[in-house]
Amino acid sequence: MFSSSKTDLQQSLDELNRQMQERETQARAGALGLPYIDLHNFPIDLNVLGMFTEEEAKEMGAVPFYKEQTDLRIGITDPDHPLLLEKLREFSQHNKLTVYVISHKSLEQVLRFYAKVMRPKAAHDDVVRVEKTEDYHELFKTLASEEEQKKHTATDLVGMIFGASLYYKSSDIHIEPEEHFVKVRFRVDGVLQDILHLSKTLQKSFITRLKIISKLKLNVENEAQDGRITFYYLGKPIDVRVSVLPSAYGEEVVMRLLGTGAVNLKLKDLGFRPEHQEILHRVLAKPNGMVITTGPTGSGKTTSLYAFLNELNEPGVKIITLEDPVEYKLEGIVQTPIDHSHNFDFAQGLRAILRQDPDIVMVGEIRDQETAEVSMQAALTGHMVLSTLHTNDAAGAIPRLLNMGIKPFVVAPALSCILAQRLVRRLCQACKKPAQLSPTLMDHVKLILSQIPKSSGLVVPKALQFFHSEGCEECHHLGYSGRIGIYEVLENTDNIQKLIFSEASMTDFKKGGQAQGMITMTQDGLLKALEGITDVEEVFRVAGE
């Protein structure tokens, strides 16, 4: 009896609080000059409710509750929310729109119905469709004005930016809030280029739109988040890896476009010299051994590994990869993603895939002693192992492995070859012209080229002619179009094995490599500059020396 009375009292208090909130909301609606409605016990149409995703409804504090033909009615709690204003503008193009002020109690009541909505996310909320690539150079000139930007919805702008990323052949999209605007930059051929400055008033709706389609938490703005987007260009799905990071002026978003690179490349397509190709074909033809590519992030290591896999991918051969994440899908190859949330790292994953009886294994990266040891043991026990390591040059990879605690008697027989690389931008062939270097720079170039070992068999021409591109319509006025690798390849010969057993220094390994004809990345780059493929400035920007 007492318990029942207590429940009745609580219900009465809750109803009283609800009625007080409704009266306050009605008064606020009058002050705003907007109609008011109480949605408590209102018959909600679930099909209409599905016009907003649940995440959007919670973020905006708004719900669509009635629709008859073109008559659409939406309940709101915050009339100034930027994403709501974006949505209202979008819906008003095809509907007679009426906005009602509702209480937070009404909103909570309606949000409960989302559990019954069969399709809480409309198709257009899952993907972005880019139908065709326009002339984005001219489009972004028009979008330079804030007035012109406001004519487009956040959905429109997201589609334009994804379309432009394909037009400019960019690998990454950077959305960087500043104090007075939001900077949009594309990484084109490894270099960030300013593309557009968005109005600060569009920041909230634009970032929110990106977070919705990448399935990130809308109410979290002070923590880093990672997500994924799929957009379609001419019917082809393109995956985008999304990283959101808090910054001083709002959330910064970086998006990596996956699967847009060529995955059917052969060694000759990547810029390897005939001498390099000969070494790589020789070591890849072995039934076992380890091939390591080295270089910083973005130097094309993964692309090289995929090219090796293309060379090795034949009927009767089982290839398994371990990647973080899987960036490109290769036909006929088992590709396994790393899953840190389930403690499935490179070392654990490698042990698991070795039980799958593979002939060839690709390990995305050697990060620790355990992964290095298991990889080396696999190379010693009849497997071909491909992997990457973070060192500046080929000679530095062996001391790095020894410093990780791998014994010389394991490294020496397991290692087949080390490849160090960087990516330089190709000169635009449409506007390429001969260029004169300053006397100081020319002397420096001559000194580096004079150090090419005679055992390499390479002959440097006496007259050095270099080139440069000013920029034209064909290269979007950048002067460059595409990238090519510059390499140094260190084969593990008998002489190098002797150095491994003696735990020699990096300098000794470099001298040992040069003695057997190895050229440095800078030398390879300057030879490509002489051929008109790139320019001297680009080689020194990427490789230094």
Protein backbone atom coordinates (compact mmCIF):
# COMPACT_ATOMS: atom_id res chain seq x y z
CA MET A 1 0.00 0.00 0.00
CA PHE A 2 2.76 2.41 1.03
CA SER A 3 4.84 1.49 -2.02
CA SER A 4 1.92 2.09 -4.35
CA SER A 5 1.26 5.52 -2.85
CA LYS A 6 4.92 6.44 -3.26
CA THR A 7 4.82 5.46 -6.96
CA ASP A 8 1.65 7.49 -7.51
CA LEU A 9 3.25 10.50 -5.82
CA GLN A 10 6.34 10.25 -8.03
CA GLN A 11 4.19 10.03 -11.14
CA SER A 12 2.24 13.09 -10.05
CA LEU A 13 5.46 15.05 -9.47
CA ASP A 14 6.83 13.99 -12.87
CA GLU A 15 3.60 15.07 -14.58
CA LEU A 16 3.67 18.40 -12.73
CA ASN A 17 7.29 19.01 -13.81
CA ARG A 18 6.37 18.12 -17.39
CA GLN A 19 3.46 20.55 -17.44
CA MET A 20 5.66 23.34 -15.99
CA GLN A 21 8.25 22.68 -18.70
CA GLU A 22 5.54 22.76 -21.37
CA ARG A 23 4.27 26.15 -20.11
CA GLU A 24 7.83 27.56 -20.14
CA THR A 25 8.38 26.20 -23.66
CA GLN A 26 5.07 27.72 -24.84
CA ALA A 27 6.14 31.09 -23.46
CA ARG A 28 9.54 30.79 -25.20
CA ALA A 29 7.81 29.93 -28.48
CA GLY A 30 5.70 33.09 -28.15
CA ALA A 31 8.83 35.17 -27.55
CA LEU A 32 10.43 33.65 -30.66
CA GLY A 33 7.30 34.21 -32.75
CA LEU A 34 7.03 30.47 -33.54
CA PRO A 35 4.13 28.03 -33.02
CA TYR A 36 4.28 25.62 -30.06
CA ILE A 37 3.23 21.97 -29.78
CA ASP A 38 3.20 19.36 -27.00
CA LEU A 39 4.23 16.00 -28.51
CA HIS A 40 3.34 14.02 -25.39
CA ASN A 41 1.10 11.15 -26.63
CA PHE A 42 1.24 12.55 -30.18
CA PRO A 43 0.81 9.78 -32.85
CA ILE A 44 4.30 9.82 -34.38
CA ASP A 45 4.68 8.62 -38.00
CA LEU A 46 7.78 6.37 -37.94
CA ASN A 47 8.42 6.89 -41.67
CA VAL A 48 8.57 10.65 -41.13
CA LEU A 49 10.77 10.23 -38.05
CA GLY A 50 13.25 8.32 -40.21
CA MET A 51 13.93 11.49 -42.24
CA PHE A 52 16.45 12.35 -39.49
CA THR A 53 18.91 9.80 -38.17
CA GLU A 54 18.78 9.30 -34.42
CA GLU A 55 22.23 10.89 -34.15
CA GLU A 56 21.05 13.96 -36.08
CA ALA A 57 17.92 14.27 -33.94
CA LYS A 58 19.94 14.16 -30.72
CA GLU A 59 22.59 16.56 -32.04
CA MET A 60 20.07 19.15 -33.28
CA GLY A 61 17.44 18.63 -30.58
CA ALA A 62 14.85 18.34 -33.34
CA VAL A 63 12.45 15.72 -34.77
CA PRO A 64 10.17 15.56 -37.82
CA PHE A 65 6.77 14.43 -36.52
CA TYR A 66 4.22 14.89 -39.33
CA LYS A 67 4.18 14.80 -43.14
CA GLU A 68 1.26 14.82 -45.56
CA GLN A 69 2.30 15.16 -49.21
CA THR A 70 4.55 18.29 -49.15
CA ASP A 71 3.35 19.50 -45.73
CA LEU A 72 6.30 18.75 -43.38
CA ARG A 73 6.31 19.68 -39.68
CA ILE A 74 9.37 19.60 -37.44
CA GLY A 75 9.66 20.07 -33.69
CA ILE A 76 12.77 21.93 -32.46
CA THR A 77 14.37 22.88 -29.15
CA ASP A 78 17.13 25.16 -30.50
CA PRO A 79 16.15 27.30 -33.52
CA ASP A 80 19.75 28.49 -34.05
CA HIS A 81 21.53 25.12 -34.26
CA PRO A 82 23.72 25.27 -37.42
CA LEU A 83 23.06 21.69 -38.54
CA LEU A 84 19.31 22.23 -38.04
CA LEU A 85 19.41 25.38 -40.18
CA GLU A 86 21.24 23.34 -42.82
CA LYS A 87 18.57 20.62 -42.68
CA LEU A 88 15.69 23.11 -42.80
CA ARG A 89 17.17 24.75 -45.86
CA GLU A 90 17.59 21.34 -47.49
CA PHE A 91 13.99 20.21 -46.76
CA SER A 92 12.40 23.57 -47.67
CA GLN A 93 13.46 23.06 -51.29
CA HIS A 94 10.81 20.35 -51.75
CA ASN A 95 8.37 20.85 -48.86
CA LYS A 96 6.06 23.39 -47.27
CA LEU A 97 7.89 23.53 -43.94
CA THR A 98 6.45 24.45 -40.53
CA VAL A 99 8.71 24.60 -37.46
CA TYR A 100 7.27 24.14 -33.96
CA VAL A 101 9.02 24.78 -30.65
CA ILE A 102 8.90 21.68 -28.42
CA SER A 103 10.09 20.99 -24.86
CA HIS A 104 12.99 18.71 -23.98
CA LYS A 105 10.43 16.35 -22.42
CA SER A 106 8.65 16.13 -25.76
CA LEU A 107 11.96 15.50 -27.50
CA GLU A 108 12.85 12.66 -25.09
CA GLN A 109 9.41 11.13 -25.62
CA VAL A 110 9.80 11.09 -29.41
CA LEU A 111 13.44 9.86 -29.36
CA ARG A 112 12.20 6.63 -27.76
CA PHE A 113 10.41 5.80 -31.02
CA TYR A 114 13.73 5.46 -32.88
CA ALA A 115 14.03 1.92 -31.51
CA LYS A 116 10.99 1.07 -33.66
CA VAL A 117 12.17 2.79 -36.84
CA MET A 118 13.03 0.03 -39.31
CA ARG A 119 15.55 2.12 -41.23
CA PRO A 120 16.92 4.74 -38.80
CA LYS A 121 19.56 5.76 -41.31
CA ALA A 122 18.56 6.79 -44.80
CA ALA A 123 20.78 5.67 -47.67
CA HIS A 124 22.14 9.14 -48.25
CA ASP A 125 23.41 9.26 -44.67
CA ASP A 126 25.65 6.23 -45.17
CA VAL A 127 27.41 7.27 -48.35
CA VAL A 128 28.20 10.34 -50.41
CA ARG A 129 27.67 10.12 -54.14
CA VAL A 130 29.89 12.08 -56.51
CA GLU A 131 28.37 11.77 -59.96
CA LYS A 132 31.01 13.51 -62.06
CA THR A 133 34.22 15.47 -61.77
CA GLU A 134 33.64 19.12 -62.66
CA ASP A 135 36.21 21.85 -63.24
CA TYR A 136 36.84 22.34 -59.54
CA HIS A 137 39.52 24.95 -60.18
CA GLU A 138 36.82 27.34 -61.43
CA LEU A 139 34.23 26.10 -58.92
CA PHE A 140 36.44 26.92 -55.94
CA LYS A 141 37.15 30.37 -57.35
CA THR A 142 33.39 30.96 -57.14
CA LEU A 143 33.19 29.43 -53.66
CA ALA A 144 35.78 31.89 -52.36
CA SER A 145 32.92 34.21 -51.29
CA GLU A 146 30.97 33.48 -48.10
CA GLU A 147 27.68 34.39 -49.80
CA GLU A 148 28.24 31.75 -52.48
CA GLN A 149 29.15 29.10 -49.89
CA LYS A 150 25.91 29.72 -47.99
CA LYS A 151 23.92 28.80 -51.11
CA HIS A 152 25.05 25.19 -50.63
CA THR A 153 24.14 22.68 -47.92
CA ALA A 154 26.79 20.87 -45.87
CA THR A 155 25.91 17.73 -47.84
CA ASP A 156 26.60 19.58 -51.10
CA LEU A 157 29.95 20.89 -49.84
CA VAL A 158 31.08 17.46 -48.62
CA GLY A 159 30.26 16.01 -52.05
CA MET A 160 32.14 18.83 -53.80
CA ILE A 161 35.23 18.34 -51.65
CA PHE A 162 35.30 14.58 -52.24
CA GLY A 163 34.83 15.18 -55.96
CA ALA A 164 37.63 17.75 -55.98
CA SER A 165 39.93 15.33 -54.14
CA LEU A 166 39.61 12.98 -57.13
CA TYR A 167 40.02 15.84 -59.60
CA TYR A 168 43.31 16.90 -57.99
CA LYS A 169 44.34 13.24 -57.39
CA SER A 170 44.92 13.89 -53.70
CA SER A 171 45.70 11.22 -51.12
CA ASP A 172 44.46 13.12 -48.04
CA ILE A 173 41.91 15.84 -47.23
CA HIS A 174 42.67 18.16 -44.30
CA ILE A 175 39.89 20.23 -42.68
CA GLU A 176 41.66 22.72 -40.38
CA PRO A 177 39.65 25.28 -38.36
CA GLU A 178 41.37 28.65 -37.94
CA GLU A 179 40.21 31.67 -35.94
CA HIS A 180 38.27 33.32 -38.78
CA PHE A 181 37.76 30.52 -41.34
CA VAL A 182 38.10 26.78 -41.93
CA LYS A 183 41.00 25.83 -44.18
CA VAL A 184 40.54 22.94 -46.62
CA ARG A 185 43.81 21.46 -47.91
CA PHE A 186 44.59 18.50 -50.16
CA ARG A 187 47.79 16.48 -50.07
CA VAL A 188 48.68 16.22 -53.75
CA ASP A 189 51.75 14.16 -54.64
CA GLY A 190 52.89 14.32 -51.03
CA VAL A 191 52.61 18.12 -50.62
CA LEU A 192 49.72 19.97 -48.94
CA GLN A 193 47.95 22.50 -51.17
CA ASP A 194 45.42 25.14 -50.02
CA ILE A 195 42.15 24.51 -51.86
CA LEU A 196 39.38 26.47 -50.12
CA HIS A 197 38.61 28.62 -47.09
CA LEU A 198 35.15 27.79 -45.69
CA SER A 199 33.15 30.35 -43.75
CA LYS A 200 33.35 29.98 -39.97
CA THR A 201 29.52 29.94 -39.85
CA LEU A 202 29.54 26.65 -41.80
CA GLN A 203 32.07 24.94 -39.53
CA LYS A 204 29.63 23.28 -37.11
CA SER A 205 27.27 21.89 -39.75
CA PHE A 206 30.12 20.78 -42.03
CA ILE A 207 32.05 18.93 -39.29
CA THR A 208 28.83 17.44 -37.93
CA ARG A 209 27.92 16.15 -41.40
CA LEU A 210 31.34 14.47 -41.70
CA LYS A 211 30.96 12.91 -38.24
CA ILE A 212 27.49 11.58 -39.06
CA ILE A 213 28.53 9.82 -42.28
CA SER A 214 31.69 8.46 -40.64
CA LYS A 215 29.58 7.15 -37.71
CA LEU A 216 31.38 9.12 -35.00
CA LYS A 217 29.92 10.42 -31.71
CA LEU A 218 28.38 13.84 -32.28
CA ASN A 219 28.36 14.85 -28.62
CA VAL A 220 32.11 14.18 -28.17
CA GLU A 221 34.24 17.17 -29.18
CA ASN A 222 37.17 17.03 -26.75
CA GLU A 223 38.52 13.58 -27.66
CA ALA A 224 40.16 12.08 -30.74
CA GLN A 225 37.92 9.80 -32.81
CA ASP A 226 38.48 7.50 -35.79
CA GLY A 227 35.88 6.51 -38.34
CA ARG A 228 35.29 5.52 -41.94
CA ILE A 229 33.30 6.91 -44.88
CA THR A 230 32.41 5.38 -48.23
CA PHE A 231 31.68 7.69 -51.13
CA TYR A 232 30.78 6.61 -54.63
CA TYR A 233 32.28 8.08 -57.78
CA LEU A 234 30.55 6.94 -60.97
CA GLY A 235 29.28 3.89 -59.11
CA LYS A 236 32.71 2.89 -57.76
CA PRO A 237 33.03 2.77 -53.94
CA ILE A 238 35.97 4.68 -52.45
CA ASP A 239 36.74 4.17 -48.76
CA VAL A 240 37.95 7.06 -46.62
CA ARG A 241 39.68 6.69 -43.26
CA VAL A 242 38.67 9.57 -40.96
CA SER A 243 40.59 11.00 -38.00
CA VAL A 244 39.08 13.74 -35.83
CA LEU A 245 41.24 15.66 -33.35
CA PRO A 246 40.32 18.55 -31.00
CA SER A 247 42.13 21.81 -31.76
CA ALA A 248 42.12 25.39 -30.45
CA TYR A 249 39.41 26.52 -32.91
CA GLY A 250 37.31 23.36 -33.17
CA GLU A 251 37.70 19.81 -34.38
CA GLU A 252 40.29 19.14 -37.08
CA VAL A 253 39.51 16.37 -39.55
CA VAL A 254 42.00 14.46 -41.71
CA MET A 255 40.66 11.99 -44.26
CA ARG A 256 42.84 9.45 -46.08
CA LEU A 257 41.44 8.19 -49.39
CA LEU A 258 42.00 4.45 -49.61
CA GLY A 259 42.06 2.30 -52.70
CA THR A 260 42.57 5.20 -55.14
CA GLY A 261 46.16 4.18 -55.95
CA ALA A 262 47.06 1.69 -58.63
CA VAL A 263 47.42 -1.78 -57.15
CA ASN A 264 48.41 -3.63 -60.33
CA LEU A 265 51.78 -1.94 -60.58
CA LYS A 266 54.87 -3.85 -61.67
CA LEU A 267 58.42 -3.12 -60.54
CA LYS A 268 59.22 -1.27 -63.77
CA ASP A 269 56.28 1.11 -63.15
CA LEU A 270 57.68 2.31 -59.81
CA GLY A 271 60.93 3.80 -61.12
CA PHE A 272 63.38 1.01 -60.31
CA ARG A 273 66.55 1.04 -62.39
CA PRO A 274 67.33 -2.13 -64.40
CA GLU A 275 70.07 -2.94 -61.87
CA HIS A 276 67.57 -2.67 -59.01
CA GLN A 277 65.01 -4.79 -60.87
CA GLU A 278 67.63 -7.49 -61.43
CA ILE A 279 68.41 -7.70 -57.69
CA LEU A 280 64.74 -7.69 -56.69
CA HIS A 281 63.78 -10.36 -59.23
CA ARG A 282 66.66 -12.47 -57.93
CA VAL A 283 65.69 -12.26 -54.24
CA LEU A 284 61.96 -12.60 -54.92
CA ALA A 285 62.63 -15.80 -56.88
CA LYS A 286 63.99 -17.46 -53.73
CA PRO A 287 61.65 -19.83 -51.86
CA ASN A 288 62.42 -18.14 -48.55
CA GLY A 289 64.10 -15.08 -47.06
CA MET A 290 63.10 -11.62 -45.92
CA VAL A 291 62.78 -8.42 -47.98
CA ILE A 292 62.48 -5.20 -45.98
CA THR A 293 61.47 -1.77 -47.30
CA THR A 294 62.41 1.26 -45.22
CA GLY A 295 61.49 4.91 -45.21
CA PRO A 296 59.26 7.44 -43.41
CA THR A 297 55.46 7.46 -43.52
CA GLY A 298 54.23 8.32 -47.01
CA SER A 299 57.36 7.17 -48.83
CA GLY A 300 55.54 4.49 -50.84
CA LYS A 301 56.65 1.42 -48.86
CA THR A 302 53.22 -0.23 -49.00
CA THR A 303 52.97 0.35 -52.76
CA SER A 304 56.35 -1.34 -53.24
CA LEU A 305 55.23 -4.32 -51.15
CA TYR A 306 52.07 -4.63 -53.25
CA ALA A 307 54.20 -4.55 -56.41
CA PHE A 308 56.30 -7.39 -54.97
CA LEU A 309 53.11 -9.33 -54.20
CA ASN A 310 51.91 -8.81 -57.78
CA GLU A 311 55.16 -10.36 -58.98
CA LEU A 312 54.73 -13.33 -56.62
CA ASN A 313 50.97 -13.84 -56.95
CA GLU A 314 50.63 -16.99 -59.05
CA PRO A 315 48.35 -20.04 -59.02
CA GLY A 316 49.59 -22.59 -56.52
CA VAL A 317 51.03 -19.95 -54.15
CA LYS A 318 49.30 -18.95 -50.92
CA ILE A 319 49.88 -15.36 -49.83
CA ILE A 320 48.62 -13.90 -46.54
CA THR A 321 49.11 -10.27 -45.47
CA LEU A 322 48.85 -8.62 -42.07
CA GLU A 323 48.03 -4.91 -42.44
CA ASP A 324 47.06 -1.91 -40.30
CA PRO A 325 44.70 -1.18 -42.02
CA VAL A 326 44.08 -3.03 -45.30
CA GLU A 327 44.40 -0.14 -47.77
CA TYR A 328 43.93 -1.87 -51.13
CA LYS A 329 42.19 -5.16 -51.91
CA LEU A 330 44.34 -7.56 -53.89
CA GLU A 331 42.63 -10.40 -55.73
CA GLY A 332 43.77 -13.90 -54.84
CA ILE A 333 45.47 -12.82 -51.61
CA VAL A 334 44.22 -13.30 -48.03
CA GLN A 335 44.45 -9.88 -46.33
CA THR A 336 44.13 -9.72 -42.54
CA PRO A 337 43.57 -6.40 -40.69
CA ILE A 338 45.15 -5.64 -37.32
CA ASP A 339 42.53 -5.16 -34.57
CA HIS A 340 43.99 -3.34 -31.55
CA SER A 341 40.61 -3.36 -29.76
CA HIS A 342 40.91 -7.16 -29.46
CA ASN A 343 44.69 -7.19 -28.80
CA PHE A 344 45.30 -8.66 -32.25
CA ASP A 345 48.65 -7.00 -33.04
CA PHE A 346 51.38 -7.81 -35.59
CA ALA A 347 53.16 -10.37 -33.40
CA GLN A 348 49.97 -12.28 -32.50
CA GLY A 349 48.63 -12.01 -36.03
CA LEU A 350 51.88 -13.30 -37.52
CA ARG A 351 51.87 -16.37 -35.27
CA ALA A 352 48.26 -17.04 -36.28
CA ILE A 353 48.77 -16.73 -40.03
CA LEU A 354 51.88 -18.94 -39.97
CA ARG A 355 49.55 -21.73 -38.82
CA GLN A 356 47.60 -21.21 -42.06
CA ASP A 357 50.42 -22.77 -44.13
CA PRO A 358 51.29 -19.71 -46.29
CA ASP A 359 54.09 -19.63 -48.87
CA ILE A 360 54.48 -15.85 -48.70
CA VAL A 361 53.72 -13.53 -45.79
CA MET A 362 53.54 -9.75 -45.79
CA VAL A 363 53.80 -8.07 -42.37
CA GLY A 364 52.73 -4.43 -42.61
CA GLU A 365 55.38 -3.14 -40.20
CA ILE A 366 58.04 -4.42 -37.79
CA ARG A 367 57.46 -2.36 -34.66
CA ASP A 368 58.99 -4.45 -31.87
CA GLN A 369 61.42 -7.25 -31.07
CA GLU A 370 58.70 -9.92 -30.91
CA THR A 371 57.42 -9.17 -34.43
CA ALA A 372 60.98 -9.01 -35.77
CA GLU A 373 61.93 -12.37 -34.21
CA VAL A 374 58.84 -14.20 -35.47
CA SER A 375 59.32 -12.68 -38.97
CA MET A 376 62.97 -13.71 -39.11
CA GLN A 377 62.19 -17.24 -37.90
CA ALA A 378 59.49 -17.52 -40.58
CA ALA A 379 62.04 -16.46 -43.21
CA LEU A 380 64.40 -19.18 -41.95
CA THR A 381 61.75 -21.90 -42.04
CA GLY A 382 60.76 -21.83 -45.68
CA HIS A 383 58.63 -18.68 -46.01
CA MET A 384 59.15 -15.56 -48.11
CA VAL A 385 58.51 -12.63 -45.76
CA LEU A 386 57.95 -9.02 -46.85
CA SER A 387 57.83 -6.19 -44.33
CA THR A 388 58.66 -2.54 -43.57
CA LEU A 389 60.87 -0.84 -41.01
CA HIS A 390 61.32 2.81 -40.09
CA THR A 391 64.94 3.79 -40.83
CA ASN A 392 66.40 6.62 -42.91
CA ASP A 393 68.37 4.47 -45.33
CA ALA A 394 69.06 0.87 -46.29
CA ALA A 395 72.32 0.61 -44.34
CA GLY A 396 70.59 1.68 -41.11
CA ALA A 397 68.10 -1.22 -41.16
CA ILE A 398 70.59 -3.91 -40.11
CA PRO A 399 71.93 -2.11 -36.99
CA ARG A 400 68.28 -1.33 -36.13
CA LEU A 401 67.40 -5.05 -36.17
CA LEU A 402 70.48 -5.89 -34.11
CA ASN A 403 69.61 -3.15 -31.60
CA MET A 404 66.11 -4.65 -31.28
CA GLY A 405 67.79 -7.75 -29.86
CA ILE A 406 67.78 -10.01 -32.93
CA LYS A 407 70.93 -12.17 -32.94
CA PRO A 408 73.40 -11.80 -35.86
CA PHE A 409 73.23 -15.58 -36.55
CA VAL A 410 69.46 -15.10 -37.20
CA VAL A 411 69.63 -11.85 -39.21
CA ALA A 412 72.47 -12.92 -41.52
CA PRO A 413 70.84 -16.00 -43.12
CA ALA A 414 67.22 -14.71 -42.91
CA LEU A 415 67.69 -11.33 -44.61
CA SER A 416 67.69 -11.25 -48.42
CA CYS A 417 67.50 -7.58 -49.31
CA ILE A 418 66.82 -4.10 -47.91
CA LEU A 419 65.19 -1.39 -49.98
CA ALA A 420 65.15 2.26 -48.87
CA GLN A 421 62.94 4.72 -50.72
CA ARG A 422 61.34 8.14 -51.02
CA LEU A 423 58.79 9.55 -53.44
CA VAL A 424 59.59 12.58 -55.61
CA ARG A 425 57.09 14.48 -57.73
CA ARG A 426 57.27 14.01 -61.48
CA LEU A 427 57.71 17.11 -63.61
CA CYS A 428 54.69 17.97 -65.75
CA GLN A 429 55.82 16.92 -69.23
CA ALA A 430 53.49 19.47 -70.87
CA CYS A 431 55.32 22.50 -69.43
CA LYS A 432 58.79 21.06 -68.72
CA LYS A 433 61.71 23.32 -69.75
CA PRO A 434 65.51 23.19 -69.38
CA ALA A 435 66.68 24.92 -66.19
CA GLN A 436 69.98 26.41 -65.04
CA LEU A 437 71.24 25.66 -61.53
CA SER A 438 73.15 28.17 -59.46
CA PRO A 439 76.95 27.59 -59.49
CA THR A 440 76.92 26.55 -55.80
CA LEU A 441 74.11 24.06 -56.31
CA MET A 442 75.68 22.69 -59.49
CA ASP A 443 78.98 22.09 -57.66
CA HIS A 444 77.13 20.23 -54.91
CA VAL A 445 75.28 18.08 -57.49
CA LYS A 446 78.54 17.27 -59.32
CA LEU A 447 80.17 16.20 -56.04
CA ILE A 448 77.33 13.78 -55.22
CA LEU A 449 77.27 12.31 -58.74
CA SER A 450 81.05 11.89 -58.73
CA GLN A 451 80.68 9.55 -55.72
CA ILE A 452 78.62 7.00 -57.66
CA PRO A 453 80.67 3.78 -57.35
CA LYS A 454 82.24 2.46 -60.56
CA SER A 455 81.03 -1.02 -59.64
CA SER A 456 77.44 0.20 -60.24
CA GLY A 457 78.13 0.35 -63.99
CA LEU A 458 76.38 3.74 -64.24
CA VAL A 459 77.95 6.45 -66.42
CA VAL A 460 77.15 10.11 -65.65
CA PRO A 461 77.15 12.40 -68.74
CA LYS A 462 79.78 15.14 -68.73
CA ALA A 463 77.29 17.84 -69.72
CA LEU A 464 74.66 18.08 -67.01
CA GLN A 465 71.25 19.37 -68.16
CA PHE A 466 68.40 19.64 -65.67
CA PHE A 467 64.76 20.68 -66.05
CA HIS A 468 61.91 22.50 -64.32
CA SER A 469 58.16 22.98 -64.88
CA GLU A 470 56.44 26.33 -64.32
CA GLY A 471 52.88 24.96 -64.18
CA CYS A 472 50.04 24.84 -66.70
CA GLU A 473 46.38 23.85 -67.06
CA GLU A 474 47.29 20.19 -67.47
CA CYS A 475 49.00 19.98 -64.05
CA HIS A 476 46.54 22.39 -62.34
CA HIS A 477 49.36 25.00 -62.26
CA LEU A 478 51.40 22.92 -59.80
CA GLY A 479 54.29 22.10 -62.15
CA TYR A 480 54.16 18.45 -61.12
CA SER A 481 51.93 15.51 -61.94
CA GLY A 482 52.25 12.16 -60.19
CA ARG A 483 55.19 10.73 -58.24
CA ILE A 484 57.98 8.25 -58.76
CA GLY A 485 60.28 6.45 -56.33
CA ILE A 486 63.97 7.01 -55.74
CA TYR A 487 65.72 4.03 -54.21
CA GLU A 488 68.78 2.43 -52.73
CA VAL A 489 68.91 -1.36 -52.74
CA LEU A 490 71.23 -3.29 -50.43
CA GLU A 491 71.47 -7.00 -51.24
CA ASN A 492 72.62 -9.27 -48.43
CA THR A 493 75.70 -10.81 -50.05
CA ASP A 494 78.48 -12.83 -48.39
CA ASN A 495 80.38 -9.61 -47.64
CA ILE A 496 77.35 -8.01 -45.97
CA GLN A 497 76.79 -11.18 -43.93
CA LYS A 498 80.35 -10.94 -42.61
CA LEU A 499 79.59 -7.37 -41.46
CA ILE A 500 76.40 -8.59 -39.75
CA PHE A 501 78.29 -11.28 -37.81
CA SER A 502 80.83 -8.65 -36.69
CA GLU A 503 77.96 -6.30 -35.71
CA ALA A 504 79.51 -3.52 -37.79
CA SER A 505 78.45 0.14 -37.72
CA MET A 506 75.97 1.75 -40.11
CA THR A 507 78.88 3.47 -41.90
CA ASP A 508 80.51 0.09 -42.53
CA PHE A 509 77.28 -1.30 -44.00
CA LYS A 510 76.98 1.75 -46.25
CA LYS A 511 80.58 1.32 -47.48
CA GLY A 512 79.96 -2.40 -47.97
CA GLY A 513 76.88 -1.64 -50.08
CA GLN A 514 78.74 0.92 -52.21
CA ALA A 515 81.57 -1.57 -52.74
CA GLN A 516 79.07 -3.89 -54.42
CA GLY A 517 77.56 -1.12 -56.56
CA MET A 518 74.81 0.38 -54.38
CA ILE A 519 73.89 3.98 -55.19
CA THR A 520 72.17 6.27 -52.67
CA MET A 521 68.62 7.58 -52.99
CA THR A 522 69.95 11.07 -53.67
CA GLN A 523 72.17 9.80 -56.48
CA ASP A 524 69.23 7.86 -57.96
CA GLY A 525 67.09 11.01 -57.73
CA LEU A 526 69.70 13.21 -59.44
CA LEU A 527 70.02 10.67 -62.26
CA LYS A 528 66.22 10.86 -62.68
CA ALA A 529 66.51 14.67 -62.69
CA LEU A 530 69.06 14.40 -65.53
CA GLU A 531 66.50 12.30 -67.42
CA GLY A 532 63.88 15.06 -67.02
CA ILE A 533 61.64 12.96 -64.77
CA THR A 534 61.93 15.28 -61.75
CA ASP A 535 63.96 18.34 -60.76
CA VAL A 536 66.94 18.87 -58.47
CA GLU A 537 64.98 20.93 -55.93
CA GLU A 538 62.48 18.10 -55.49
CA VAL A 539 65.25 15.52 -54.95
CA PHE A 540 66.89 17.58 -52.21
CA ARG A 541 63.50 18.40 -50.64
CA VAL A 542 62.73 14.71 -50.24
CA ALA A 543 66.13 13.04 -49.81
CA GLY A 544 68.30 15.84 -48.45
CA GLU A 545 72.12 15.40 -48.53
